Amino acid sequence: MPLGKVLLSAEQIASRVGELGLRIRRDYEDQPLTIVAILQGAIVFLGELLKHLGAGVTVELIEASSYGTATASGGQVTLRRYGRLDVRDRDVLLVDDIADTGRTLAAVARQLEAMGARSVRTCVLLDKPSRREVDVELSYRGFEIDDVFVVGFGLDHAGRYRTLPYIACLDEPARKE
């Protein structure tokens, strides 16, 4: 599928991520913070966010998905790669690229709470509230976007476009009638 218009430039993203980082750093000023980032989409956002959080942050990675290779969530969330994830009695910031249906964030947050996290807050780069199917509280969000499929800055379609430094719409091919 071809790329459509650029929704958010690299400069807009960098500025907003810096603002989010400063806010998070202030909110957790005197407390250790464990970030749990959801692979693979959050990795670029996480890298940029970490530049603004200081040295007292622990990072854990998990993999969760509900898209596969489609442009719409299949509704079933798959969680993988827990490894030695230890969040017991820790304040956790769950970081993801986008809040769409809310299923992935809600499922991972429930799992972290079940593992004994003291608190779980969420941080997403993009919020698409028009698609929400599951109620999920977003503690920090970069941008609210309309119901369009986006790629870039870690977001992909079937593994492609993650490395774009900006976020663009993905155009659906025109249907033949």
Protein backbone atom coordinates (compact mmCIF):
# COMPACT_ATOMS: atom_id res chain seq x y z
CA MET A 1 0.00 0.00 0.00
CA PRO A 2 1.32 3.48 -0.81
CA LEU A 3 2.05 6.16 1.73
CA GLY A 4 -0.40 9.02 2.04
CA LYS A 5 0.02 12.43 3.61
CA VAL A 6 2.43 13.11 6.47
CA LEU A 7 0.36 13.48 9.61
CA LEU A 8 3.15 14.38 12.05
CA SER A 9 6.62 15.61 11.12
CA ALA A 10 9.80 14.45 12.81
CA GLU A 11 10.07 17.89 14.42
CA GLN A 12 6.52 17.78 15.82
CA ILE A 13 7.15 14.32 17.25
CA ALA A 14 10.50 15.25 18.83
CA SER A 15 9.01 18.33 20.46
CA ARG A 16 6.02 16.48 21.90
CA VAL A 17 8.08 13.51 23.13
CA GLY A 18 10.36 15.99 24.91
CA GLU A 19 7.33 17.52 26.64
CA LEU A 20 6.05 14.09 27.67
CA GLY A 21 9.47 13.11 28.98
CA LEU A 22 9.76 16.20 31.15
CA ARG A 23 6.27 15.67 32.55
CA ILE A 24 6.98 12.02 33.37
CA ARG A 25 10.33 12.91 34.92
CA ARG A 26 8.62 15.49 37.18
CA ASP A 27 5.85 13.06 38.14
CA TYR A 28 8.35 10.36 39.17
CA GLU A 29 10.99 12.76 40.45
CA ASP A 30 11.81 10.98 43.71
CA GLN A 31 10.71 7.44 42.85
CA PRO A 32 12.28 4.63 40.89
CA LEU A 33 10.40 3.97 37.67
CA THR A 34 10.15 0.76 35.65
CA ILE A 35 9.14 1.21 32.04
CA VAL A 36 7.55 -1.75 30.31
CA ALA A 37 7.53 -1.09 26.57
CA ILE A 38 5.47 -3.09 24.12
CA LEU A 39 7.44 -4.39 21.18
CA GLN A 40 7.81 -3.83 18.36
CA GLY A 41 5.93 -0.62 17.72
CA ALA A 42 6.98 1.25 20.87
CA ILE A 43 10.73 0.80 20.39
CA VAL A 44 11.35 4.04 18.45
CA PHE A 45 9.11 6.06 20.77
CA LEU A 46 10.81 4.48 23.81
CA GLY A 47 14.27 5.38 22.52
CA GLU A 48 13.30 9.01 22.06
CA LEU A 49 11.44 9.16 25.40
CA LEU A 50 14.38 7.72 27.36
CA LYS A 51 16.53 10.69 26.32
CA HIS A 52 14.36 12.85 28.57
CA LEU A 53 13.90 10.60 31.63
CA GLY A 54 17.28 10.50 33.34
CA ALA A 55 19.35 7.59 34.59
CA GLY A 56 17.06 6.20 37.31
CA VAL A 57 14.78 4.30 34.94
CA THR A 58 14.64 0.53 34.50
CA VAL A 59 13.42 -0.75 31.12
CA GLU A 60 11.66 -4.05 30.44
CA LEU A 61 10.34 -5.20 27.06
CA ILE A 62 7.42 -7.41 26.14
CA GLU A 63 5.73 -8.27 22.89
CA ALA A 64 2.00 -7.87 22.40
CA SER A 65 -0.05 -7.70 19.25
CA SER A 66 -3.60 -7.74 17.97
CA TYR A 67 -2.93 -6.74 14.35
CA GLY A 68 -0.76 -9.39 12.72
CA THR A 69 -0.35 -8.23 9.10
CA ALA A 70 -3.80 -6.59 8.86
CA THR A 71 -4.72 -2.91 9.06
CA ALA A 72 -7.39 -3.58 11.69
CA SER A 73 -7.14 -5.27 15.07
CA GLY A 74 -8.28 -8.86 15.10
CA GLY A 75 -9.56 -8.37 18.66
CA GLN A 76 -7.40 -11.12 20.18
CA VAL A 77 -4.30 -9.90 22.05
CA THR A 78 -1.22 -12.12 21.95
CA LEU A 79 1.39 -11.55 24.68
CA ARG A 80 4.94 -12.92 24.37
CA ARG A 81 8.47 -12.56 25.71
CA TYR A 82 8.03 -12.00 29.40
CA GLY A 83 11.55 -13.24 30.11
CA ARG A 84 12.57 -12.17 33.62
CA LEU A 85 10.07 -9.34 33.82
CA ASP A 86 9.96 -8.32 37.49
CA VAL A 87 7.52 -5.57 38.40
CA ARG A 88 6.53 -6.63 41.94
CA ASP A 89 6.18 -3.58 44.21
CA ARG A 90 7.34 -1.24 41.43
CA ASP A 91 5.77 1.81 39.82
CA VAL A 92 5.37 0.88 36.17
CA LEU A 93 4.92 3.07 33.13
CA LEU A 94 3.50 1.02 30.27
CA VAL A 95 4.69 2.52 26.97
CA ASP A 96 3.14 1.77 23.59
CA ASP A 97 3.07 3.41 20.19
CA ILE A 98 -0.71 3.78 19.83
CA ALA A 99 -3.94 3.35 21.79
CA ASP A 100 -6.44 2.08 19.25
CA THR A 101 -9.07 -0.40 20.45
CA GLY A 102 -7.49 -0.37 23.91
CA ARG A 103 -7.33 -4.16 24.02
CA THR A 104 -3.54 -4.46 24.04
CA LEU A 105 -2.94 -1.80 26.69
CA ALA A 106 -5.71 -3.16 28.92
CA ALA A 107 -4.47 -6.76 28.62
CA VAL A 108 -0.86 -5.85 29.40
CA ALA A 109 -1.86 -3.53 32.27
CA ARG A 110 -3.96 -6.34 33.81
CA GLN A 111 -1.01 -8.71 33.51
CA LEU A 112 1.36 -6.22 35.17
CA GLU A 113 -1.11 -5.66 38.02
CA ALA A 114 -1.45 -9.44 38.45
CA MET A 115 2.35 -9.64 38.66
CA GLY A 116 2.26 -7.31 41.68
CA ALA A 117 3.09 -3.87 40.25
CA ARG A 118 2.49 -1.15 42.84
CA SER A 119 1.05 1.13 40.17
CA VAL A 120 0.58 0.97 36.40
CA ARG A 121 0.22 4.11 34.30
CA THR A 122 0.20 4.30 30.52
CA CYS A 123 2.02 6.42 27.96
CA VAL A 124 1.27 6.35 24.24
CA LEU A 125 2.54 8.41 21.36
CA LEU A 126 -0.78 8.28 19.50
CA ASP A 127 -4.36 8.02 20.71
CA LYS A 128 -7.18 7.01 18.38
CA PRO A 129 -10.21 7.33 20.72
CA SER A 130 -12.80 6.86 17.95
CA ARG A 131 -11.78 3.18 17.75
CA ARG A 132 -11.82 2.42 21.49
CA GLU A 133 -13.53 -0.86 22.38
CA VAL A 134 -12.04 -1.33 25.84
CA ASP A 135 -11.89 1.41 28.46
CA VAL A 136 -8.27 2.24 29.18
CA GLU A 137 -6.92 5.26 31.03
CA LEU A 138 -4.09 7.06 29.26
CA SER A 139 -1.86 8.82 31.76
CA TYR A 140 0.29 10.42 29.05
CA ARG A 141 -0.42 10.77 25.34
CA GLY A 142 1.42 12.52 22.58
CA PHE A 143 -1.20 13.16 19.91
CA GLU A 144 -4.84 12.37 19.28
CA ILE A 145 -5.47 11.24 15.71
CA ASP A 146 -8.49 10.42 13.59
CA ASP A 147 -9.43 6.92 12.49
CA VAL A 148 -6.73 6.46 9.85
CA PHE A 149 -4.10 3.74 9.57
CA VAL A 150 -0.69 5.27 10.24
CA VAL A 151 2.90 4.16 9.84
CA GLY A 152 6.32 5.51 10.74
CA PHE A 153 8.23 6.27 13.93
CA GLY A 154 7.93 2.61 14.94
CA LEU A 155 4.44 1.94 13.60
CA ASP A 156 4.30 -0.50 10.73
CA HIS A 157 2.20 -2.30 8.19
CA ALA A 158 3.29 -5.93 7.83
CA GLY A 159 6.75 -5.01 9.14
CA ARG A 160 7.31 -2.10 6.75
CA TYR A 161 7.67 1.66 7.33
CA ARG A 162 8.82 1.50 11.00
CA THR A 163 12.01 3.43 10.22
CA LEU A 164 10.31 6.54 8.84
CA PRO A 165 11.22 9.53 11.06
CA TYR A 166 7.66 10.90 10.73
CA ILE A 167 4.12 9.50 10.88
CA ALA A 168 2.13 9.19 7.68
CA CYS A 169 -1.23 7.80 6.65
CA LEU A 170 -1.24 4.56 4.72
CA ASP A 171 -3.48 4.87 1.70
CA GLU A 172 -5.78 1.97 0.92
CA PRO A 173 -5.76 1.08 -2.78
CA ALA A 174 -8.81 2.32 -4.68
CA ARG A 175 -11.47 -0.36 -5.15
CA LYS A 176 -12.62 -1.26 -8.61
CA GLU A 177 -16.39 -1.19 -8.88
